[in-house]
């Protein structure tokens, strides 16, 4: 080989082996409401799923409505307490929750705009539920220990704590009350006085249209099952799909203009809220550099996914909102995921999550049933 050609070949080979910093271009971007922060609370489940419902309202009506995340949270705390006490303390009681908890809350209590219920007694403060949760937990544990017969006022004490930290709630008719721009226990919206359930009807949301899909090898495919994870206190049902089909449905939904609420694991070293990147390196030695440089990623099999879940290496510790797709300069695709840690985190509040990461770490997604591929929709009978 000519010596000059040899040196050029070596140079080209070396350049091809160099890592490249990420450069992304948009493949799909679906409109959603702006990024906000859950602050010092464990309420990502409400922020993510409320954002999902807001995007659905935009899709269905073109209206941009800022829904109250904390209205769902407050109502769900009532249900959590009832569940915990009636199960005599043998149930989960924590700040955590899942997407179906927001759907259950909306079905039972309706929804309200953020302007009608902020979930704060001081509108200028940040959310912080640390003290509130400690007080709530103390009450339900006391109710279990003493029995409701000997602690008949536990529900009133519990509601008083919620009132103190989150604002008043009218127990008699489940309508938000008083101080937050609400007149006579009715919501003033576009000149009309509405209850939360009546307001829900104006959004055009049909809560029966939303399904949650997942992929686990220990359950039969194309059936629904109760997923045994700590935050599933409500025993929500999931449809089980083969892993490839699970991913196909996520892609199909996005391609057709549907967003998805995502339950995932963010405890991985290669999930970076700071860099806004979530990836699974093929070589663990790349775990640090892969957050800023493109590196090969691991191929995720259904068996590996299942093993990681059963070993507790994959856990459901964070919910977010998938609103689009991007690709890097090498053609690798990533999901654009709206987070609830404020605009200062990640990429203007978003995380770009690789396909391998979702294959391994996505516990489930909630989506409109019309976002499913025809095969899945037919197999599930939805």
Protein backbone atom coordinates (compact mmCIF):
# COMPACT_ATOMS: atom_id res chain seq x y z
CA UNK A 1 0.00 0.00 0.00
CA UNK A 2 1.19 3.49 -0.82
CA UNK A 3 2.58 5.03 2.41
CA UNK A 4 0.45 8.20 2.09
CA UNK A 5 -2.68 6.14 1.50
CA UNK A 6 -1.78 4.01 4.54
CA UNK A 7 -1.56 7.10 6.78
CA UNK A 8 -4.89 8.44 5.45
CA UNK A 9 -6.52 5.06 6.16
CA UNK A 10 -5.16 5.06 9.71
CA UNK A 11 -6.43 8.63 10.23
CA UNK A 12 -9.90 7.80 8.95
CA UNK A 13 -10.09 4.66 11.10
CA UNK A 14 -9.01 6.62 14.16
CA UNK A 15 -11.58 9.35 13.54
CA UNK A 16 -14.32 6.75 13.09
CA UNK A 17 -13.43 5.27 16.46
CA UNK A 18 -13.61 8.60 18.30
CA UNK A 19 -16.70 9.25 20.39
CA UNK A 20 -18.89 12.13 19.33
CA UNK A 21 -20.78 14.56 21.52
CA UNK A 22 -24.54 14.41 21.14
CA UNK A 23 -26.19 16.47 18.43
CA UNK A 24 -29.93 15.95 18.22
CA UNK A 25 -32.53 16.68 15.60
CA UNK A 26 -36.29 16.38 16.04
CA UNK A 27 -38.22 13.49 14.55
CA UNK A 28 -41.54 14.09 16.30
CA UNK A 29 -42.61 16.79 18.73
CA UNK A 30 -46.15 16.76 20.14
CA UNK A 31 -47.52 19.83 21.87
CA UNK A 32 -47.76 19.74 25.65
CA UNK A 33 -47.99 22.26 28.46
CA UNK A 34 -44.75 23.86 29.79
CA UNK A 35 -42.36 22.07 32.13
CA UNK A 36 -42.99 22.75 35.82
CA UNK A 37 -41.54 21.38 39.06
CA UNK A 38 -42.91 19.00 41.66
CA UNK A 39 -40.39 20.56 44.05
CA UNK A 40 -39.78 18.62 47.27
CA UNK A 41 -42.59 16.11 46.89
CA UNK A 42 -42.97 12.54 45.69
CA UNK A 43 -45.78 13.46 43.31
CA UNK A 44 -44.18 12.81 39.91
CA UNK A 45 -47.06 10.40 39.20
CA UNK A 46 -49.55 13.26 39.27
CA UNK A 47 -47.34 15.78 37.47
CA UNK A 48 -46.60 13.34 34.65
CA UNK A 49 -50.12 12.00 34.20
CA UNK A 50 -51.74 15.41 34.57
CA UNK A 51 -49.38 16.64 31.84
CA UNK A 52 -50.47 13.65 29.76
CA UNK A 53 -54.15 14.60 30.22
CA UNK A 54 -53.37 18.23 29.36
CA UNK A 55 -51.77 17.06 26.10
CA UNK A 56 -54.84 14.94 25.41
CA UNK A 57 -57.06 18.01 25.88
CA UNK A 58 -54.89 19.91 23.40
CA UNK A 59 -55.20 17.02 20.93
CA UNK A 60 -58.96 16.70 21.40
CA UNK A 61 -60.01 20.35 21.63
CA UNK A 62 -57.04 22.58 20.84
CA UNK A 63 -57.43 24.17 24.29
CA UNK A 64 -54.43 24.66 26.57
CA UNK A 65 -55.70 24.09 30.10
CA UNK A 66 -53.35 24.08 33.07
CA UNK A 67 -54.85 21.39 35.31
CA UNK A 68 -54.18 21.17 39.03
CA UNK A 69 -51.74 18.39 39.86
CA UNK A 70 -52.30 18.82 43.58
CA UNK A 71 -56.07 18.38 43.30
CA UNK A 72 -55.36 14.81 42.17
CA UNK A 73 -52.77 14.39 44.92
CA UNK A 74 -55.06 15.58 47.68
CA UNK A 75 -57.89 13.32 46.60
CA UNK A 76 -55.60 10.33 46.22
CA UNK A 77 -54.30 10.85 49.76
CA UNK A 78 -57.87 10.31 50.97
CA UNK A 79 -58.07 7.01 49.10
CA UNK A 80 -54.61 5.94 50.28
CA UNK A 81 -55.62 6.47 53.90
CA UNK A 82 -58.81 4.47 53.53
CA UNK A 83 -56.91 1.66 51.84
CA UNK A 84 -54.16 1.60 54.46
CA UNK A 85 -56.46 1.61 57.48
CA UNK A 86 -58.97 -0.91 56.12
CA UNK A 87 -56.11 -3.25 55.22
CA UNK A 88 -54.98 -2.85 58.84
CA UNK A 89 -51.64 -1.34 57.90
CA UNK A 90 -50.70 -4.13 55.49
CA UNK A 91 -50.50 -1.82 52.47
CA UNK A 92 -48.28 0.86 51.01
CA UNK A 93 -48.63 4.37 52.41
CA UNK A 94 -46.23 6.85 50.86
CA UNK A 95 -46.03 9.85 48.55
CA UNK A 96 -45.75 7.57 45.54
CA UNK A 97 -48.47 6.72 43.07
CA UNK A 98 -49.10 5.65 39.48
CA UNK A 99 -50.84 6.97 36.39
CA UNK A 100 -54.06 5.10 37.07
CA UNK A 101 -54.33 6.92 40.41
CA UNK A 102 -54.83 10.18 38.50
CA UNK A 103 -57.44 8.53 36.27
CA UNK A 104 -59.18 7.10 39.36
CA UNK A 105 -59.13 10.52 41.03
CA UNK A 106 -60.53 12.24 37.94
CA UNK A 107 -63.27 9.62 37.64
CA UNK A 108 -64.26 9.96 41.29
CA UNK A 109 -63.63 13.63 41.98
CA UNK A 110 -63.37 15.36 38.60
CA UNK A 111 -60.56 17.78 37.71
CA UNK A 112 -59.98 21.50 38.23
CA UNK A 113 -57.70 24.15 36.70
CA UNK A 114 -54.50 25.05 38.52
CA UNK A 115 -55.88 28.54 39.18
CA UNK A 116 -58.68 27.03 41.22
CA UNK A 117 -56.56 24.78 43.42
CA UNK A 118 -52.81 25.26 43.75
CA UNK A 119 -52.43 22.87 46.69
CA UNK A 120 -50.59 25.56 48.65
CA UNK A 121 -51.69 27.78 51.50
CA UNK A 122 -48.98 30.26 50.47
CA UNK A 123 -49.13 30.74 46.68
CA UNK A 124 -45.54 32.04 46.58
CA UNK A 125 -43.99 29.04 48.33
CA UNK A 126 -42.56 25.90 46.76
CA UNK A 127 -44.11 22.50 47.28
CA UNK A 128 -42.73 20.59 50.25
CA UNK A 129 -44.71 17.63 51.60
CA UNK A 130 -42.11 16.30 54.02
CA UNK A 131 -43.87 17.41 57.21
CA UNK A 132 -47.34 16.78 55.84
CA UNK A 133 -46.60 13.16 54.94
CA UNK A 134 -45.05 12.49 58.34
CA UNK A 135 -48.18 13.79 60.07
CA UNK A 136 -50.52 11.87 57.78
CA UNK A 137 -48.60 8.65 58.30
CA UNK A 138 -48.69 9.11 62.07
CA UNK A 139 -52.49 9.40 61.97
CA UNK A 140 -53.15 6.31 59.84
CA UNK A 141 -50.73 4.21 61.87
CA UNK A 142 -52.46 5.34 65.05
CA UNK A 143 -55.84 4.44 63.52
CA UNK A 144 -54.56 0.94 62.78
CA UNK A 145 -52.91 0.49 66.16
CA UNK A 146 -55.90 1.71 68.19
CA UNK A 147 -58.57 0.58 65.66
CA UNK A 148 -61.08 3.07 64.20
CA UNK A 149 -63.49 2.11 67.00
CA UNK A 150 -61.14 3.63 69.57
CA UNK A 151 -60.00 6.46 67.29
CA UNK A 152 -63.26 7.49 65.62
CA UNK A 153 -62.03 10.94 64.63
CA UNK A 154 -59.04 9.78 62.60
CA UNK A 155 -60.57 10.85 59.27
CA UNK A 156 -61.28 14.35 60.58
CA UNK A 157 -57.73 14.64 61.94
CA UNK A 158 -56.35 13.41 58.62
CA UNK A 159 -58.40 15.90 56.58
CA UNK A 160 -57.32 18.71 58.91
CA UNK A 161 -53.65 18.00 58.06
CA UNK A 162 -54.44 18.11 54.34
CA UNK A 163 -56.34 21.38 54.86
CA UNK A 164 -53.41 22.87 56.75
CA UNK A 165 -50.79 22.08 54.13
CA UNK A 166 -52.74 21.94 50.87
CA UNK A 167 -55.87 24.02 51.36
CA UNK A 168 -59.50 23.29 52.14
CA UNK A 169 -61.49 20.46 50.63
CA UNK A 170 -65.25 20.07 50.93
CA UNK A 171 -65.82 16.51 52.14
CA UNK A 172 -69.60 16.60 51.67
CA UNK A 173 -69.70 16.96 47.91
CA UNK A 174 -66.07 16.52 46.88
CA UNK A 175 -65.82 20.04 45.49
CA UNK A 176 -62.78 22.22 46.18
CA UNK A 177 -63.71 25.07 48.49
CA UNK A 178 -63.03 28.67 49.36
CA UNK A 179 -59.78 30.51 49.06
CA UNK A 180 -58.46 29.66 45.61
CA UNK A 181 -60.58 31.78 43.24
CA UNK A 182 -63.64 29.64 43.81
CA UNK A 183 -67.07 31.18 44.30
CA UNK A 184 -69.76 29.44 46.34
CA UNK A 185 -68.06 26.05 46.06
CA UNK A 186 -68.29 26.19 42.26
CA UNK A 187 -65.54 26.60 39.71
CA UNK A 188 -65.78 29.74 37.58
CA UNK A 189 -64.63 28.74 34.10
CA UNK A 190 -65.35 30.74 30.93
CA UNK A 191 -68.23 32.47 32.65
CA UNK A 192 -69.87 29.24 33.81
CA UNK A 193 -70.16 27.86 37.33
CA UNK A 194 -69.16 24.20 37.26
CA UNK A 195 -68.44 21.38 39.65
CA UNK A 196 -65.14 19.48 39.13
CA UNK A 197 -67.00 16.65 37.40
CA UNK A 198 -68.82 19.10 35.14
CA UNK A 199 -65.52 20.74 34.33
CA UNK A 200 -64.06 17.34 33.43
CA UNK A 201 -66.88 16.92 30.89
CA UNK A 202 -65.88 20.19 29.17
CA UNK A 203 -62.37 18.80 28.48
CA UNK A 204 -63.75 16.04 26.18
CA UNK A 205 -61.62 13.48 28.02
CA UNK A 206 -63.13 9.99 28.06
CA UNK A 207 -61.36 8.27 30.92
CA UNK A 208 -62.35 4.85 29.60
CA UNK A 209 -60.16 5.43 26.51
CA UNK A 210 -56.88 5.11 28.41
CA UNK A 211 -54.99 1.84 28.82
CA UNK A 212 -51.71 0.89 30.46
CA UNK A 213 -49.39 -1.54 28.68
CA UNK A 214 -46.26 -3.28 29.89
CA UNK A 215 -44.04 -6.27 29.13
CA UNK A 216 -43.11 -9.05 31.54
CA UNK A 217 -42.39 -12.70 30.78
CA UNK A 218 -43.90 -14.05 34.01
CA UNK A 219 -47.45 -13.21 32.88
CA UNK A 220 -49.32 -14.42 29.77
CA UNK A 221 -49.17 -12.03 26.84
CA UNK A 222 -52.34 -10.22 25.72
CA UNK A 223 -53.94 -10.53 29.14
CA UNK A 224 -54.33 -7.95 31.89
CA UNK A 225 -52.80 -8.46 35.30
CA UNK A 226 -52.08 -6.64 38.54
CA UNK A 227 -48.42 -5.61 38.59
CA UNK A 228 -46.77 -6.29 41.94
CA UNK A 229 -44.95 -3.06 42.61
CA UNK A 230 -45.06 -1.08 45.87
CA UNK A 231 -46.91 1.97 44.56
CA UNK A 232 -49.74 -0.07 43.04
CA UNK A 233 -51.84 0.33 46.19
CA UNK A 234 -54.97 0.64 44.01
CA UNK A 235 -54.32 -2.74 42.31
CA UNK A 236 -54.35 -1.19 38.86
CA UNK A 237 -54.48 -3.47 35.82
CA UNK A 238 -51.83 -3.64 33.09
CA UNK A 239 -51.99 -5.22 29.64
CA UNK A 240 -49.01 -7.47 29.01
CA UNK A 241 -47.28 -7.46 25.61
CA UNK A 242 -44.14 -8.98 24.07
CA UNK A 243 -41.27 -6.53 24.46
CA UNK A 244 -40.89 -5.72 20.75
CA UNK A 245 -44.63 -5.07 20.49
CA UNK A 246 -44.52 -2.90 23.61
CA UNK A 247 -41.97 -0.64 21.88
CA UNK A 248 -43.88 -0.75 18.57
CA UNK A 249 -46.93 0.64 20.35
CA UNK A 250 -44.97 3.51 21.88
CA UNK A 251 -43.61 4.42 18.44
CA UNK A 252 -46.99 4.04 16.77
CA UNK A 253 -48.69 6.28 19.31
CA UNK A 254 -46.11 9.03 18.86
CA UNK A 255 -46.23 8.74 15.07
CA UNK A 256 -50.01 9.21 15.21
CA UNK A 257 -49.78 12.25 17.50
CA UNK A 258 -50.50 10.62 20.88
CA UNK A 259 -48.30 11.23 23.91
CA UNK A 260 -47.75 8.65 26.66
CA UNK A 261 -47.40 8.71 30.45
CA UNK A 262 -44.27 6.75 31.39
CA UNK A 263 -43.45 4.83 34.57
CA UNK A 264 -39.74 4.08 34.68
CA UNK A 265 -36.58 3.60 36.70
CA UNK A 266 -34.38 6.67 37.11
CA UNK A 267 -31.97 5.16 39.63
CA UNK A 268 -29.49 4.08 36.95
CA UNK A 269 -26.07 5.71 36.96
CA UNK A 270 -26.66 6.43 33.28
CA UNK A 271 -29.90 8.33 33.86
CA UNK A 272 -28.78 11.93 34.18
CA UNK A 273 -31.22 14.63 35.18
CA UNK A 274 -28.37 17.10 34.75
CA UNK A 275 -27.37 16.10 31.21
CA UNK A 276 -30.89 15.17 30.17
CA UNK A 277 -29.72 11.77 28.87
CA UNK A 278 -30.81 8.23 29.79
CA UNK A 279 -28.90 5.37 28.13
CA UNK A 280 -27.70 1.80 28.74
CA UNK A 281 -24.02 1.36 27.77
CA UNK A 282 -22.86 -1.86 26.21
CA UNK A 283 -19.63 -1.55 28.20
CA UNK A 284 -20.07 -0.55 31.86
CA UNK A 285 -16.73 1.26 31.66
CA UNK A 286 -18.50 3.80 29.45
CA UNK A 287 -21.02 4.67 32.16
CA UNK A 288 -19.56 8.13 32.77
CA UNK A 289 -18.57 9.15 29.27
CA UNK A 290 -21.79 7.94 27.62
CA UNK A 291 -23.70 10.78 29.25
CA UNK A 292 -21.88 13.28 27.05
CA UNK A 293 -20.53 11.15 24.19
CA UNK A 294 -22.23 8.65 21.89
CA UNK A 295 -21.22 5.10 22.83
CA UNK A 296 -22.55 1.66 21.84
CA UNK A 297 -25.60 0.56 23.85
CA UNK A 298 -26.62 -2.82 25.20
CA UNK A 299 -29.09 -4.99 23.31
CA UNK A 300 -31.99 -5.66 25.67
CA UNK A 301 -33.71 -9.04 25.54
CA UNK A 302 -37.03 -9.86 27.27
CA UNK A 303 -35.16 -12.28 29.53
CA UNK A 304 -32.63 -9.67 30.63
CA UNK A 305 -35.41 -7.13 31.25
CA UNK A 306 -37.30 -9.65 33.41
CA UNK A 307 -34.19 -10.61 35.38
CA UNK A 308 -33.36 -6.98 36.14
CA UNK A 309 -36.92 -6.41 37.37
CA UNK A 310 -36.94 -9.50 39.59
CA UNK A 311 -33.53 -8.58 41.03
CA UNK A 312 -34.85 -5.12 41.99
CA UNK A 313 -32.31 -3.56 39.63
CA UNK A 314 -35.29 -2.10 37.78
CA UNK A 315 -37.83 -0.40 40.04
CA UNK A 316 -40.70 2.01 39.48
CA UNK A 317 -39.32 5.15 41.02
CA UNK A 318 -40.25 7.94 38.60
CA UNK A 319 -43.06 8.87 36.23
CA UNK A 320 -42.66 11.22 33.26
CA UNK A 321 -44.39 12.15 30.01
CA UNK A 322 -43.22 11.05 26.53
CA UNK A 323 -43.95 13.84 24.05
CA UNK A 324 -41.77 13.07 21.02
CA UNK A 325 -38.68 11.53 19.45
CA UNK A 326 -35.24 12.78 18.47
CA UNK A 327 -32.20 11.26 16.78
CA UNK A 328 -28.48 11.86 17.17
CA UNK A 329 -26.07 12.36 14.29
CA UNK A 330 -25.45 8.61 14.06
CA UNK A 331 -29.15 7.87 13.61
CA UNK A 332 -29.77 6.50 17.12
CA UNK A 333 -33.27 7.37 18.26
CA UNK A 334 -34.37 8.65 21.66
CA UNK A 335 -37.69 9.48 23.25
CA UNK A 336 -38.23 13.08 24.26
CA UNK A 337 -39.51 12.83 27.83
CA UNK A 338 -40.95 15.72 29.78
CA UNK A 339 -39.75 15.69 33.38
CA UNK A 340 -41.14 17.50 36.44
CA UNK A 341 -37.91 18.81 37.94
CA UNK A 342 -38.21 22.30 36.47
CA UNK A 343 -36.85 23.88 33.28
CA UNK A 344 -33.36 24.17 34.77
CA UNK A 345 -32.93 20.38 34.76
CA UNK A 346 -31.81 18.29 31.79
CA UNK A 347 -32.45 19.74 28.34
CA UNK A 348 -34.79 22.58 29.25
CA UNK A 349 -36.63 20.20 31.55
CA UNK A 350 -36.63 17.22 29.17
CA UNK A 351 -34.72 13.93 29.16
CA UNK A 352 -33.71 12.19 25.93
CA UNK A 353 -34.17 8.50 26.68
CA UNK A 354 -32.69 5.90 24.35
CA UNK A 355 -34.66 2.97 22.96
CA UNK A 356 -32.48 0.44 24.89
CA UNK A 357 -33.16 2.39 28.09
CA UNK A 358 -36.92 2.19 27.54
CA UNK A 359 -36.73 -1.50 26.59
CA UNK A 360 -35.02 -2.22 29.90
CA UNK A 361 -36.30 0.36 32.35
CA UNK A 362 -39.83 1.34 31.30
CA UNK A 363 -42.20 -0.33 33.76
CA UNK A 364 -45.25 0.72 31.73
CA UNK A 365 -46.85 3.43 29.61
CA UNK A 366 -50.37 4.80 29.62
CA UNK A 367 -51.84 5.89 26.29
CA UNK A 368 -55.07 6.42 24.42
CA UNK A 369 -56.29 3.08 23.05
CA UNK A 370 -56.37 4.52 19.51
CA UNK A 371 -52.59 4.91 19.74
CA UNK A 372 -52.21 1.13 19.79
CA UNK A 373 -51.24 -0.76 16.66
CA UNK A 374 -54.09 -2.74 15.05
CA UNK A 375 -52.67 -6.11 16.10
CA UNK A 376 -52.44 -5.10 19.77
CA UNK A 377 -55.84 -3.45 19.82
CA UNK A 378 -57.43 -6.54 18.34
CA UNK A 379 -55.55 -8.95 20.62
CA UNK A 380 -56.51 -7.00 23.73
CA UNK A 381 -60.10 -6.42 22.62
CA UNK A 382 -60.03 -2.70 23.39
